[in-house]
Amino acid sequence: MEQNSFDVSKEQVMELMGQRGFTLVDILGKASYEDSHIKGAISVPFDELEDHGWEILGGRKVITYCHGPSCEASEIAARILRDHGIEAYAYRGGLEEWTDSGLPLEGKYSKQG
């Protein structure tokens, strides 16, 4: 899939997370989130986000992520949020790239949290 202007790299995620007001959103299921997620992320599973996520996340600047580069759900989620007036970006590298890079994780199966 062609990269969009709202796709962000892991470096951009780290930079944006350092800025006040950005919320990192794990769109995987609750069980996956409990097992392992990017440190500081909140859980809003894709189906919830699709149904009423803009209400949950209203007023926030958001970065969505899912499993990894082959998963397009983070981009779809960002589009849904943008369609509802929320500043949203998609981290296409997802949990896979973040984990492979040794960056901070939380959850019962993360070695760090």
C-alpha atoms as a PDB file:
ATOM      1  CA  MET A   1       0.000   0.000   0.000  1.00  0.00           C
ATOM      2  CA  GLU A   2       1.186   3.479  -0.817  1.00  0.00           C
ATOM      3  CA  GLN A   3       2.442   5.516   2.117  1.00  0.00           C
ATOM      4  CA  ASN A   4       0.163   8.365   3.176  1.00  0.00           C
ATOM      5  CA  SER A   5       1.114  11.773   4.471  1.00  0.00           C
ATOM      6  CA  PHE A   6      -0.171  10.690   7.893  1.00  0.00           C
ATOM      7  CA  ASP A   7       2.018   7.560   8.163  1.00  0.00           C
ATOM      8  CA  VAL A   8       4.794   8.025  10.737  1.00  0.00           C
ATOM      9  CA  SER A   9       8.054   6.189  11.425  1.00  0.00           C
ATOM     10  CA  LYS A  10       9.145   4.897  14.833  1.00  0.00           C
ATOM     11  CA  GLU A  11      11.473   7.901  15.119  1.00  0.00           C
ATOM     12  CA  GLN A  12       8.554  10.213  14.470  1.00  0.00           C
ATOM     13  CA  VAL A  13       6.457   8.296  17.028  1.00  0.00           C
ATOM     14  CA  MET A  14       9.148   8.842  19.668  1.00  0.00           C
ATOM     15  CA  GLU A  15       9.351  12.540  18.774  1.00  0.00           C
ATOM     16  CA  LEU A  16       5.571  13.024  18.804  1.00  0.00           C
ATOM     17  CA  MET A  17       5.201  11.103  22.075  1.00  0.00           C
ATOM     18  CA  GLY A  18       7.701  13.511  23.594  1.00  0.00           C
ATOM     19  CA  GLN A  19       5.344  16.351  22.703  1.00  0.00           C
ATOM     20  CA  ARG A  20       2.485  17.013  25.060  1.00  0.00           C
ATOM     21  CA  GLY A  21      -0.917  15.991  23.860  1.00  0.00           C
ATOM     22  CA  PHE A  22      -0.216  12.937  21.708  1.00  0.00           C
ATOM     23  CA  THR A  23      -1.860   9.630  22.657  1.00  0.00           C
ATOM     24  CA  LEU A  24      -0.521   6.332  21.337  1.00  0.00           C
ATOM     25  CA  VAL A  25      -3.434   3.971  20.632  1.00  0.00           C
ATOM     26  CA  ASP A  26      -3.085   0.183  20.384  1.00  0.00           C
ATOM     27  CA  ILE A  27      -5.939  -0.950  18.113  1.00  0.00           C
ATOM     28  CA  LEU A  28      -5.344  -4.670  18.676  1.00  0.00           C
ATOM     29  CA  GLY A  29      -7.673  -6.679  20.893  1.00  0.00           C
ATOM     30  CA  LYS A  30      -7.713  -6.301  24.681  1.00  0.00           C
ATOM     31  CA  ALA A  31      -5.985  -9.683  25.221  1.00  0.00           C
ATOM     32  CA  SER A  32      -3.126  -8.700  22.917  1.00  0.00           C
ATOM     33  CA  TYR A  33      -2.811  -5.354  24.702  1.00  0.00           C
ATOM     34  CA  GLU A  34      -2.632  -7.076  28.091  1.00  0.00           C
ATOM     35  CA  ASP A  35       0.068  -9.435  26.790  1.00  0.00           C
ATOM     36  CA  SER A  36       2.325  -6.742  25.338  1.00  0.00           C
ATOM     37  CA  HIS A  37       1.994  -3.173  24.098  1.00  0.00           C
ATOM     38  CA  ILE A  38       4.130  -0.114  23.479  1.00  0.00           C
ATOM     39  CA  LYS A  39       4.872   1.611  26.761  1.00  0.00           C
ATOM     40  CA  GLY A  40       2.392   4.392  27.436  1.00  0.00           C
ATOM     41  CA  ALA A  41      -0.164   3.254  24.852  1.00  0.00           C
ATOM     42  CA  ILE A  42      -3.856   2.999  25.610  1.00  0.00           C
ATOM     43  CA  SER A  43      -6.121   0.264  24.248  1.00  0.00           C
ATOM     44  CA  VAL A  44      -8.978   1.064  21.879  1.00  0.00           C
ATOM     45  CA  PRO A  45      -9.558  -2.101  19.810  1.00  0.00           C
ATOM     46  CA  PHE A  46     -10.278  -1.504  16.130  1.00  0.00           C
ATOM     47  CA  ASP A  47     -13.925  -2.598  16.317  1.00  0.00           C
ATOM     48  CA  GLU A  48     -14.574  -0.161  19.196  1.00  0.00           C
ATOM     49  CA  LEU A  49     -12.712   2.583  17.375  1.00  0.00           C
ATOM     50  CA  GLU A  50     -14.722   1.917  14.235  1.00  0.00           C
ATOM     51  CA  ASP A  51     -18.010   2.081  16.167  1.00  0.00           C
ATOM     52  CA  HIS A  52     -17.347   5.114  18.394  1.00  0.00           C
ATOM     53  CA  GLY A  53     -13.612   5.707  18.788  1.00  0.00           C
ATOM     54  CA  TRP A  54     -13.858   9.338  17.801  1.00  0.00           C
ATOM     55  CA  GLU A  55     -16.004   9.846  20.907  1.00  0.00           C
ATOM     56  CA  ILE A  56     -13.461   8.078  23.143  1.00  0.00           C
ATOM     57  CA  LEU A  57     -10.518   9.941  21.618  1.00  0.00           C
ATOM     58  CA  GLY A  58     -12.140  13.300  20.910  1.00  0.00           C
ATOM     59  CA  GLY A  59      -9.910  16.277  21.582  1.00  0.00           C
ATOM     60  CA  ARG A  60      -6.694  14.232  21.494  1.00  0.00           C
ATOM     61  CA  LYS A  61      -3.907  14.030  18.952  1.00  0.00           C
ATOM     62  CA  VAL A  62      -3.542  10.327  18.189  1.00  0.00           C
ATOM     63  CA  ILE A  63      -1.030   7.831  16.781  1.00  0.00           C
ATOM     64  CA  THR A  64      -2.560   4.426  15.989  1.00  0.00           C
ATOM     65  CA  TYR A  65      -0.674   1.152  15.673  1.00  0.00           C
ATOM     66  CA  CYS A  66      -1.375  -2.544  15.135  1.00  0.00           C
ATOM     67  CA  HIS A  67       0.779  -5.682  14.625  1.00  0.00           C
ATOM     68  CA  GLY A  68       3.265  -4.494  12.055  1.00  0.00           C
ATOM     69  CA  PRO A  69       4.015  -3.263   8.548  1.00  0.00           C
ATOM     70  CA  SER A  70       1.756  -5.809   6.838  1.00  0.00           C
ATOM     71  CA  CYS A  71      -1.264  -4.723   8.913  1.00  0.00           C
ATOM     72  CA  GLU A  72      -3.261  -1.903   7.340  1.00  0.00           C
ATOM     73  CA  ALA A  73      -5.634  -1.451  10.296  1.00  0.00           C
ATOM     74  CA  SER A  74      -3.599   1.382  11.828  1.00  0.00           C
ATOM     75  CA  GLU A  75      -3.964   3.384   8.622  1.00  0.00           C
ATOM     76  CA  ILE A  76      -7.688   2.667   8.391  1.00  0.00           C
ATOM     77  CA  ALA A  77      -8.105   3.653  12.055  1.00  0.00           C
ATOM     78  CA  ALA A  78      -6.256   6.929  11.476  1.00  0.00           C
ATOM     79  CA  ARG A  79      -8.498   7.660   8.479  1.00  0.00           C
ATOM     80  CA  ILE A  80     -11.634   7.001  10.542  1.00  0.00           C
ATOM     81  CA  LEU A  81     -10.413   9.366  13.249  1.00  0.00           C
ATOM     82  CA  ARG A  82      -9.439  12.018  10.703  1.00  0.00           C
ATOM     83  CA  ASP A  83     -12.896  11.737   9.131  1.00  0.00           C
ATOM     84  CA  HIS A  84     -14.249  12.724  12.566  1.00  0.00           C
ATOM     85  CA  GLY A  85     -11.965  15.737  12.943  1.00  0.00           C
ATOM     86  CA  ILE A  86      -9.248  14.135  15.100  1.00  0.00           C
ATOM     87  CA  GLU A  87      -5.586  14.762  14.288  1.00  0.00           C
ATOM     88  CA  ALA A  88      -4.446  11.163  13.756  1.00  0.00           C
ATOM     89  CA  TYR A  89      -1.342   9.431  12.430  1.00  0.00           C
ATOM     90  CA  ALA A  90      -0.649   5.774  11.647  1.00  0.00           C
ATOM     91  CA  TYR A  91       2.503   4.019  12.852  1.00  0.00           C
ATOM     92  CA  ARG A  92       2.722   1.292  10.225  1.00  0.00           C
ATOM     93  CA  GLY A  93       5.792  -0.399  11.784  1.00  0.00           C
ATOM     94  CA  GLY A  94       3.591  -1.347  14.703  1.00  0.00           C
ATOM     95  CA  LEU A  95       4.303  -3.564  17.663  1.00  0.00           C
ATOM     96  CA  GLU A  96       6.570  -5.812  15.572  1.00  0.00           C
ATOM     97  CA  GLU A  97       9.033  -3.093  14.563  1.00  0.00           C
ATOM     98  CA  TRP A  98       8.934  -1.489  18.028  1.00  0.00           C
ATOM     99  CA  THR A  99       9.704  -4.834  19.704  1.00  0.00           C
ATOM    100  CA  ASP A 100      12.444  -5.737  17.194  1.00  0.00           C
ATOM    101  CA  SER A 101      14.063  -2.368  17.907  1.00  0.00           C
ATOM    102  CA  GLY A 102      14.213  -3.103  21.651  1.00  0.00           C
ATOM    103  CA  LEU A 103      12.060  -0.094  22.526  1.00  0.00           C
ATOM    104  CA  PRO A 104      10.030   0.051  25.799  1.00  0.00           C
ATOM    105  CA  LEU A 105       7.089  -2.325  26.176  1.00  0.00           C
ATOM    106  CA  GLU A 106       4.563  -3.053  28.897  1.00  0.00           C
ATOM    107  CA  GLY A 107       2.329  -6.045  29.552  1.00  0.00           C
ATOM    108  CA  LYS A 108       2.481  -9.445  31.181  1.00  0.00           C
ATOM    109  CA  TYR A 109       4.703 -10.975  28.486  1.00  0.00           C
ATOM    110  CA  SER A 110       7.009  -8.054  27.891  1.00  0.00           C
ATOM    111  CA  LYS A 111      10.467  -8.518  29.335  1.00  0.00           C
ATOM    112  CA  GLN A 112      10.437  -4.878  30.436  1.00  0.00           C
ATOM    113  CA  GLY A 113       7.093  -4.513  32.143  1.00  0.00           C
END
